[in-house]
């Protein structure tokens, strides 16, 4: 709360008028007072600034007008130039201005300096309020720092997870490529093998012999070898039988019979056999 005693202000400016100013300055002071009371703080400050006279009280009143107009930087300058008025009050108002600007350390400093000069309940209250605000601000700052740290850690975890997922995806793609490569190679080998078979078959066809013909010839050769391995005696017997068969045919033709009697066959069987005494001639 800005401590302004309008009565003192009026008295001061009345004295100021009679001592160092003319009727024009007095009128300006009255207008500044009226503007302040009607909450036209900017106008009040401007009127006071138009006065040629310089004094701590003038700077102090200008500081109050700027404070009410929420022009805190201008108010601080005015209060700093107002040394010479009630120092505890000036420091109190200076502390309030820093508090409005969230400059809590400077506000606390101003309040503490004011309390050294004068014990004031309002100044004490503002000091405690400034300290609480500072503590709250520090806690919020710590929370924000912790939040930023957690977000940073989460981002690192997400980045690691993304890298891991990307690596897994890459490994899967490589495995698929490898499997496809093996499959393609297998198909290529099969195709080459089939091509070789066709080429061989084609060459055999040009030579005039198919694999089956070769197999038949091979089997025939084996059979011929087996036949050639028979004893020579069997071959001789086959010739004698052939001669016998020719002789029988000749005799049958001569006799006009289809079959030969058993005796004749036996006789023909052994030409050297003696003729039986009981046998009758033909």
Protein backbone atom coordinates (compact mmCIF):
# COMPACT_ATOMS: atom_id res chain seq x y z
CA UNK A 1 0.00 0.00 0.00
CA UNK A 2 1.38 3.37 -0.98
CA UNK A 3 1.60 5.61 2.04
CA UNK A 4 0.49 9.01 0.90
CA UNK A 5 -0.94 11.54 3.23
CA UNK A 6 -2.78 13.95 1.03
CA UNK A 7 -2.99 16.51 3.80
CA UNK A 8 0.77 16.68 4.05
CA UNK A 9 0.95 16.86 0.28
CA UNK A 10 -1.38 19.84 0.25
CA UNK A 11 0.44 21.56 3.08
CA UNK A 12 3.78 20.90 1.44
CA UNK A 13 2.78 22.28 -1.88
CA UNK A 14 1.11 25.25 -0.25
CA UNK A 15 4.33 26.08 1.51
CA UNK A 16 6.21 25.32 -1.68
CA UNK A 17 4.01 27.73 -3.56
CA UNK A 18 4.45 30.62 -1.18
CA UNK A 19 8.15 30.01 -0.73
CA UNK A 20 9.34 29.29 -4.25
CA UNK A 21 6.50 29.38 -6.70
CA UNK A 22 3.97 31.71 -8.13
CA UNK A 23 0.28 31.39 -8.73
CA UNK A 24 0.88 29.22 -11.85
CA UNK A 25 2.79 26.56 -9.87
CA UNK A 26 0.12 26.58 -7.19
CA UNK A 27 -2.53 25.98 -9.82
CA UNK A 28 -0.49 23.12 -11.30
CA UNK A 29 -0.12 21.51 -7.87
CA UNK A 30 -3.87 21.73 -7.33
CA UNK A 31 -4.52 20.14 -10.72
CA UNK A 32 -2.04 17.33 -9.96
CA UNK A 33 -3.79 16.71 -6.64
CA UNK A 34 -7.20 16.58 -8.29
CA UNK A 35 -5.93 14.26 -11.04
CA UNK A 36 -4.45 11.90 -8.44
CA UNK A 37 -7.69 11.80 -6.45
CA UNK A 38 -9.68 11.11 -9.63
CA UNK A 39 -7.23 8.22 -10.43
CA UNK A 40 -5.79 10.03 -13.41
CA UNK A 41 -2.32 9.00 -12.20
CA UNK A 42 -0.49 9.55 -15.45
CA UNK A 43 -1.81 13.11 -15.70
CA UNK A 44 -0.90 13.78 -12.09
CA UNK A 45 2.69 12.64 -12.67
CA UNK A 46 2.95 14.72 -15.83
CA UNK A 47 1.73 17.88 -14.04
CA UNK A 48 4.19 17.39 -11.21
CA UNK A 49 7.03 16.85 -13.68
CA UNK A 50 6.16 20.15 -15.35
CA UNK A 51 7.14 22.05 -12.17
CA UNK A 52 10.57 23.64 -12.34
CA UNK A 53 11.32 23.25 -8.67
CA UNK A 54 13.19 20.14 -7.54
CA UNK A 55 12.68 18.56 -4.14
CA UNK A 56 12.57 15.07 -2.54
CA UNK A 57 8.86 15.52 -1.83
CA UNK A 58 8.16 16.26 -5.48
CA UNK A 59 10.04 13.08 -6.56
CA UNK A 60 8.26 11.06 -3.91
CA UNK A 61 4.82 12.25 -5.09
CA UNK A 62 5.77 11.57 -8.72
CA UNK A 63 6.87 8.06 -7.66
CA UNK A 64 3.45 7.48 -6.06
CA UNK A 65 1.67 8.62 -9.23
CA UNK A 66 3.77 6.35 -11.44
CA UNK A 67 3.23 3.42 -9.08
CA UNK A 68 -0.56 3.88 -9.31
CA UNK A 69 -0.25 4.12 -13.11
CA UNK A 70 1.68 0.77 -13.04
CA UNK A 71 4.72 2.42 -14.59
CA UNK A 72 7.03 0.62 -12.17
CA UNK A 73 10.37 1.47 -13.76
CA UNK A 74 9.57 5.21 -13.66
CA UNK A 75 8.31 4.83 -10.08
CA UNK A 76 11.58 3.23 -8.95
CA UNK A 77 13.61 6.09 -10.43
CA UNK A 78 11.38 8.65 -8.72
CA UNK A 79 11.63 6.90 -5.32
CA UNK A 80 15.41 6.65 -5.61
CA UNK A 81 15.51 10.46 -6.15
CA UNK A 82 13.23 11.08 -3.18
CA UNK A 83 15.84 10.65 -0.48
CA UNK A 84 15.18 13.21 2.20
CA UNK A 85 11.54 12.36 2.91
CA UNK A 86 10.46 9.79 5.51
CA UNK A 87 13.06 7.08 4.72
CA UNK A 88 11.09 4.13 6.12
CA UNK A 89 8.07 5.10 4.02
CA UNK A 90 10.20 5.64 0.90
CA UNK A 91 11.86 2.21 1.33
CA UNK A 92 8.48 0.59 1.97
CA UNK A 93 7.09 2.00 -1.29
CA UNK A 94 10.29 1.10 -3.15
CA UNK A 95 9.93 -2.47 -1.85
CA UNK A 96 6.33 -2.58 -3.12
CA UNK A 97 7.42 -1.48 -6.58
CA UNK A 98 10.10 -4.22 -6.81
CA UNK A 99 7.52 -6.75 -5.58
CA UNK A 100 5.18 -5.82 -8.45
CA UNK A 101 8.03 -6.40 -10.89
CA UNK A 102 8.64 -9.89 -9.35
CA UNK A 103 12.06 -8.69 -8.22
CA UNK A 104 11.64 -10.46 -4.89
CA UNK A 105 15.23 -10.24 -3.66
CA UNK A 106 15.27 -6.44 -4.07
CA UNK A 107 11.82 -6.16 -2.49
CA UNK A 108 12.94 -8.20 0.54
CA UNK A 109 16.04 -6.04 0.86
CA UNK A 110 13.97 -2.81 0.79
CA UNK A 111 11.49 -4.10 3.37
CA UNK A 112 14.25 -5.22 5.73
CA UNK A 113 15.97 -1.82 5.45
CA UNK A 114 12.66 -0.09 6.16
CA UNK A 115 12.07 -2.24 9.29
CA UNK A 116 15.49 -1.33 10.62
CA UNK A 117 14.36 2.29 10.63
CA UNK A 118 10.80 1.74 11.80
CA UNK A 119 8.76 -1.18 13.10
CA UNK A 120 5.70 -1.33 10.87
CA UNK A 121 3.11 -4.14 10.65
CA UNK A 122 2.34 -3.51 7.00
CA UNK A 123 6.03 -3.66 6.09
CA UNK A 124 6.39 -6.91 8.08
CA UNK A 125 3.42 -8.44 6.27
CA UNK A 126 4.82 -7.47 2.86
CA UNK A 127 8.22 -8.89 3.82
CA UNK A 128 6.75 -12.28 4.78
CA UNK A 129 4.66 -12.31 1.63
CA UNK A 130 7.75 -11.60 -0.50
CA UNK A 131 9.68 -14.43 1.22
CA UNK A 132 6.83 -16.89 0.62
CA UNK A 133 6.64 -15.86 -3.00
CA UNK A 134 10.38 -16.39 -3.33
CA UNK A 135 10.19 -19.84 -1.74
CA UNK A 136 7.29 -20.79 -4.00
CA UNK A 137 9.19 -19.56 -7.03
CA UNK A 138 12.25 -21.62 -6.04
CA UNK A 139 10.11 -24.73 -5.55
CA UNK A 140 8.47 -24.21 -8.91
CA UNK A 141 11.90 -23.78 -10.44
CA UNK A 142 13.08 -27.06 -8.89
CA UNK A 143 9.95 -28.82 -10.09
CA UNK A 144 10.46 -27.47 -13.57
CA UNK A 145 14.10 -28.54 -13.55
CA UNK A 146 13.08 -32.01 -12.38
CA UNK A 147 10.37 -32.13 -15.04
CA UNK A 148 12.88 -31.10 -17.69
CA UNK A 149 15.28 -33.75 -16.43
CA UNK A 150 12.56 -36.43 -16.49
CA UNK A 151 11.55 -35.41 -20.00
CA UNK A 152 15.17 -35.55 -21.07
CA UNK A 153 15.55 -39.03 -19.53
CA UNK A 154 12.32 -40.17 -21.17
CA UNK A 155 13.56 -38.85 -24.48
CA UNK A 156 16.80 -40.81 -24.06
CA UNK A 157 14.80 -43.96 -23.27
CA UNK A 158 12.57 -43.38 -26.28
CA UNK A 159 15.63 -42.83 -28.46
CA UNK A 160 17.20 -46.07 -27.21
CA UNK A 161 13.94 -47.92 -27.77
CA UNK A 162 13.66 -46.48 -31.28
CA UNK A 163 17.24 -47.53 -32.01
CA UNK A 164 16.53 -51.02 -30.67
CA UNK A 165 13.35 -51.31 -32.74
CA UNK A 166 15.17 -50.08 -35.83
CA UNK A 167 17.93 -52.64 -35.25
CA UNK A 168 15.38 -55.43 -34.86
CA UNK A 169 13.59 -54.35 -38.02
CA UNK A 170 16.89 -54.24 -39.85
CA UNK A 171 17.83 -57.73 -38.60
CA UNK A 172 14.45 -59.07 -39.69
CA UNK A 173 14.86 -57.56 -43.13
CA UNK A 174 18.37 -59.03 -43.40
CA UNK A 175 17.05 -62.46 -42.35
CA UNK A 176 14.30 -62.25 -44.96
CA UNK A 177 16.83 -61.25 -47.61
CA UNK A 178 19.09 -64.15 -46.60
CA UNK A 179 16.20 -66.63 -46.71
CA UNK A 180 15.13 -65.32 -50.11
CA UNK A 181 18.71 -65.54 -51.33
CA UNK A 182 18.94 -69.20 -50.24
CA UNK A 183 15.60 -69.94 -51.84
CA UNK A 184 16.66 -68.30 -55.11
CA UNK A 185 19.96 -70.21 -55.07
CA UNK A 186 18.11 -73.48 -54.49
CA UNK A 187 15.79 -72.78 -57.41
CA UNK A 188 18.77 -71.83 -59.57
CA UNK A 189 20.60 -75.07 -58.68
CA UNK A 190 17.49 -77.11 -59.51
CA UNK A 191 17.08 -75.26 -62.78
CA UNK A 192 20.74 -75.85 -63.68
CA UNK A 193 20.40 -79.53 -62.84
CA UNK A 194 17.28 -79.91 -64.97
CA UNK A 195 19.03 -78.05 -67.78
CA UNK A 196 21.98 -80.42 -67.65
CA UNK A 197 19.65 -83.41 -67.83
CA UNK A 198 17.87 -81.97 -70.85
CA UNK A 199 21.18 -81.18 -72.50
CA UNK A 200 22.42 -84.73 -71.94
CA UNK A 201 19.19 -86.19 -73.30
CA UNK A 202 19.49 -83.95 -76.33
CA UNK A 203 23.06 -85.11 -76.97
CA UNK A 204 22.01 -88.76 -76.64
CA UNK A 205 19.22 -88.11 -79.16
CA UNK A 206 21.73 -86.71 -81.63
CA UNK A 207 23.80 -89.90 -81.32
CA UNK A 208 20.68 -91.95 -82.20
CA UNK A 209 20.44 -93.81 -78.98
CA UNK A 210 18.21 -93.03 -76.08
CA UNK A 211 19.10 -94.00 -72.54
CA UNK A 212 16.52 -96.79 -72.76
CA UNK A 213 18.15 -98.14 -75.97
CA UNK A 214 21.50 -98.11 -74.29
CA UNK A 215 20.03 -100.00 -71.38
CA UNK A 216 18.53 -102.60 -73.77
CA UNK A 217 21.84 -103.04 -75.55
CA UNK A 218 23.57 -103.40 -72.25
CA UNK A 219 21.10 -106.10 -71.18
CA UNK A 220 21.44 -107.81 -74.60
CA UNK A 221 25.19 -107.83 -74.30
CA UNK A 222 24.91 -109.37 -70.87
CA UNK A 223 22.57 -112.05 -72.26
CA UNK A 224 24.90 -112.75 -75.14
CA UNK A 225 27.77 -113.10 -72.74
CA UNK A 226 25.79 -115.57 -70.69
CA UNK A 227 24.95 -117.59 -73.78
CA UNK A 228 28.55 -117.58 -74.92
CA UNK A 229 29.55 -118.99 -71.60
CA UNK A 230 27.60 -122.33 -72.21
CA UNK A 231 29.73 -125.52 -72.58
CA UNK A 232 30.78 -126.54 -76.12
CA UNK A 233 29.27 -129.98 -75.61
CA UNK A 234 25.79 -128.47 -75.51
CA UNK A 235 26.34 -126.80 -78.86
CA UNK A 236 27.38 -130.21 -80.42
CA UNK A 237 24.32 -131.96 -79.02
CA UNK A 238 22.14 -129.32 -80.61
CA UNK A 239 23.65 -130.11 -84.05
CA UNK A 240 23.13 -133.90 -83.64
CA UNK A 241 19.56 -133.36 -82.66
CA UNK A 242 19.09 -131.20 -85.70
CA UNK A 243 20.48 -134.00 -87.92
CA UNK A 244 18.25 -136.50 -86.23
CA UNK A 245 15.25 -134.29 -86.78
CA UNK A 246 16.09 -133.99 -90.48
CA UNK A 247 16.50 -137.75 -90.78
CA UNK A 248 13.15 -138.33 -89.09
CA UNK A 249 11.43 -135.94 -91.44
CA UNK A 250 12.92 -137.74 -94.41
CA UNK A 251 11.79 -141.12 -93.15
CA UNK A 252 8.31 -139.83 -92.31
CA UNK A 253 7.96 -138.43 -95.75
CA UNK A 254 9.07 -141.68 -97.20
CA UNK A 255 6.68 -143.70 -95.11
CA UNK A 256 3.83 -141.25 -95.48
CA UNK A 257 3.32 -141.13 -91.78
CA UNK A 258 3.11 -138.23 -89.40
CA UNK A 259 4.59 -140.12 -86.55
CA UNK A 260 7.32 -142.62 -86.33
CA UNK A 261 6.85 -145.94 -84.47
CA UNK A 262 8.64 -146.21 -81.24
CA UNK A 263 10.83 -149.03 -82.60
CA UNK A 264 11.96 -146.92 -85.47
CA UNK A 265 12.70 -144.03 -83.16
CA UNK A 266 14.65 -146.35 -80.95
CA UNK A 267 16.39 -147.86 -83.92
CA UNK A 268 17.11 -144.49 -85.20
CA UNK A 269 18.26 -143.63 -81.78
CA UNK A 270 21.02 -146.25 -81.85
CA UNK A 271 22.08 -147.45 -85.28
CA UNK A 272 24.58 -149.89 -83.89
CA UNK A 273 21.95 -151.85 -81.92
CA UNK A 274 21.70 -155.49 -83.12
CA UNK A 275 18.52 -156.47 -84.87
CA UNK A 276 16.21 -158.51 -82.79
CA UNK A 277 15.56 -161.99 -83.99
CA UNK A 278 11.84 -161.61 -83.46
CA UNK A 279 11.69 -158.38 -85.42
CA UNK A 280 9.98 -158.61 -88.70
CA UNK A 281 11.19 -156.88 -91.79
CA UNK A 282 9.21 -153.92 -93.20
